[in-house]
């Protein structure tokens, strides 16, 4: 949904925009100001984090909660640790199952290290405090199924700029390719990368994900530094279902609260750091 379409729906819910009145860039400020005055907020006509929270919290509270469901992964080859099953929010799960079906039809395997992250798991150097794993709209492909042995790994990584990778999956029905892949050497907490040519049949898994609205994130600084690179900061495995979100409107706390059984009190108790940042806005601090 576009920014103006979503904003119009929210303003109409709060009766700050008539059903027959189109919302435009020209009248947006006036209608946001009207809502702010009704909600006893600072009335500047700017839909900042506090205004967006006041618009969205009652709007989504009025809608049915979304269940968490399981998604089946493929069995991992010997020597690779992966989960047989992982959890996603139901709207994200439906899309990811479509990706799996298309990848499997090409002869690729879909391995994962997880989906939903429990609220009780906090942040660290390689784990964001506002990760999309908390609202269960992100998935990690298997973190040890690429990088280490590019000549045999199920996934082969090719750098795409300084902080991103294109993920290719080996696939029996894929396209013949020769890839200039990255190869990790050293320990997980202190490693280096080199490049190696890898030939075989592959599908572009990053492009397949994008086709269904799933986007990768960039590596963290602890991967991009010249020395003491941390493998878990590469983030090549992480994809998130951004199709569900509206830039400059969607907020991390709202998306978590949409999950069945999650309350504000539960977030505050289990993950106070997440609650403190609950109003972070997609594409304006939350990415």
Foldseek 3Di string as FASTA:
>chain_A
DAPQVVLQVLLVVVPLDDPPDRDDPVCQLVSLLSSCVVVVHPRPSDCALVSLCVSQPVVLVPDAFWEKDKDAFDDDDPPADFDRIEIATPVLRVLVVVLQVVQVVQAFGFTFRYFADDLLDADDPLRDRLDPSPLRQKTFTRLPQEQADQQDRQWFWADDPLWATFIKGAGPNADWDWGFTWHWDDDQQWIDIDTDIYTHGIDRSQVSCVVSQKHFDTFDPLQRDPTRRHSSRSRHRMIGRCVVFYAPRDWSLSSNVSHPPDDLVNSCVNHVSCSVRRSDGHPRRRD
